Amino acid sequence: MNSIINNPILERNQKCIINTDLDGILAALMLHNFLDWQIVGFCDSAENIWLDRYKCKTLKEAVFIDMFVATKKTRCIDQHIVAFDEKANNKILRNPNKLNPNLLNTRCFMPDSSYYTKYPFGTVHFIIALLENQGLDVELDLSKNVIGHIKLIDIFLRADDALLTSTFSNYVDNAEEWWKWLLDLSNKGKTTNSFCDYIEETRTSSTEKKTKALKNGIADLLISSPFYCSSPDGGYKGHDELGRNTLNQYVRTYIYFIAETACLKPFELELNLTLYTGKALRCRFSSDTINMIKADPGNFLFSYAFVRSSQRNNNFSYTLMPNSFKSLIE
């Protein structure tokens, strides 16, 4: 690749809405520290969106991180399969408001051979490569010890299970190709290269049992006191877990911990949030799916992703938001 990604999404001093899991929080910390981004809201990859209307009056001002948004004018950086086929991929790719490795490297729902070679890591790994692509020196002390045998690099590679996928899984060959792609995108950036070296070292000198134990050790750390993550990938779902108008204290403690561990500045957590709730649904995608969604008189398609291959049930995940929510977009 060896070329600079010229996309206005990557400009400094943007506002963003982040996913409520480890991948989203790490991505937010990178953008906050290296591009001076401001976090103004959260989304839980389901039906909930939290927005500080004092800091961001409309969604046109913000970039969604780790969530694809279907509306054309809404900006997002994510890593899901969002194109049905190559024709659809090329159409979405022409929209500068969408930045996604599967679009850049043409991975689609159909044919299955394309889906099976989709991007297998977190949005944070893509963002780090993008930052390095822009010529930024992404300085992280990845060898820093966190607790026990867990190092900072293990925390970063726990996002979307990148380490285990890259070392002991049925997708090692695909992961290797994508690390080469990220390294190329990063112009052989220091941090992306460190990820690649660590993965190769783990693959050759560790075992599947030890790597799974490391994964489980990180999960145990995140789901226990004082962080109380509801999922082993370091996430929170719904307003009971994250908070409704303000972040719950244990969520703040968690974000501060991740920031301090990485020697990064935490982003502003004193937010005055408004909660917007839609409907998160799944179905098996067919030629009738889009017409079925359009026929809903009270809601519109806000977000979607192809989450399984065409042969499997519930392969299409999507979020409908009430029509009243359009006032925040248009």
Foldseek 3Di string as FASTA:
>chain_A
DLAADDFPVLAAAAEEEFEFFLLRLLLVLCNCFLRVYAYAWYDHQFFKIKGQCVVAVFQLRYEYEQFDWDDLSHAYQHEFADAAAQVSLVVSLVRSRYHYVCSVVVAHLPPLVSVLLGAQFGSSLLSVLNSLSVVDQPDWPQQDDQDDNDTNVLSRCLGSVNLCCCAPDPNVVSSVVVLVVSCVSSVNHDVSVVNVVVSVCCNPPHDSVVNVVSLVVQLVVQCDPPQNAPDSRGGHDDCVQQNAQAGDPSSVVVSVSSCVSRVTDGHDRGGGIHMFGWGKDFFQDDPCVQVVQVPPPFWHWTGKGQCDHNVDTRRIITTIGGPVSCVSVD
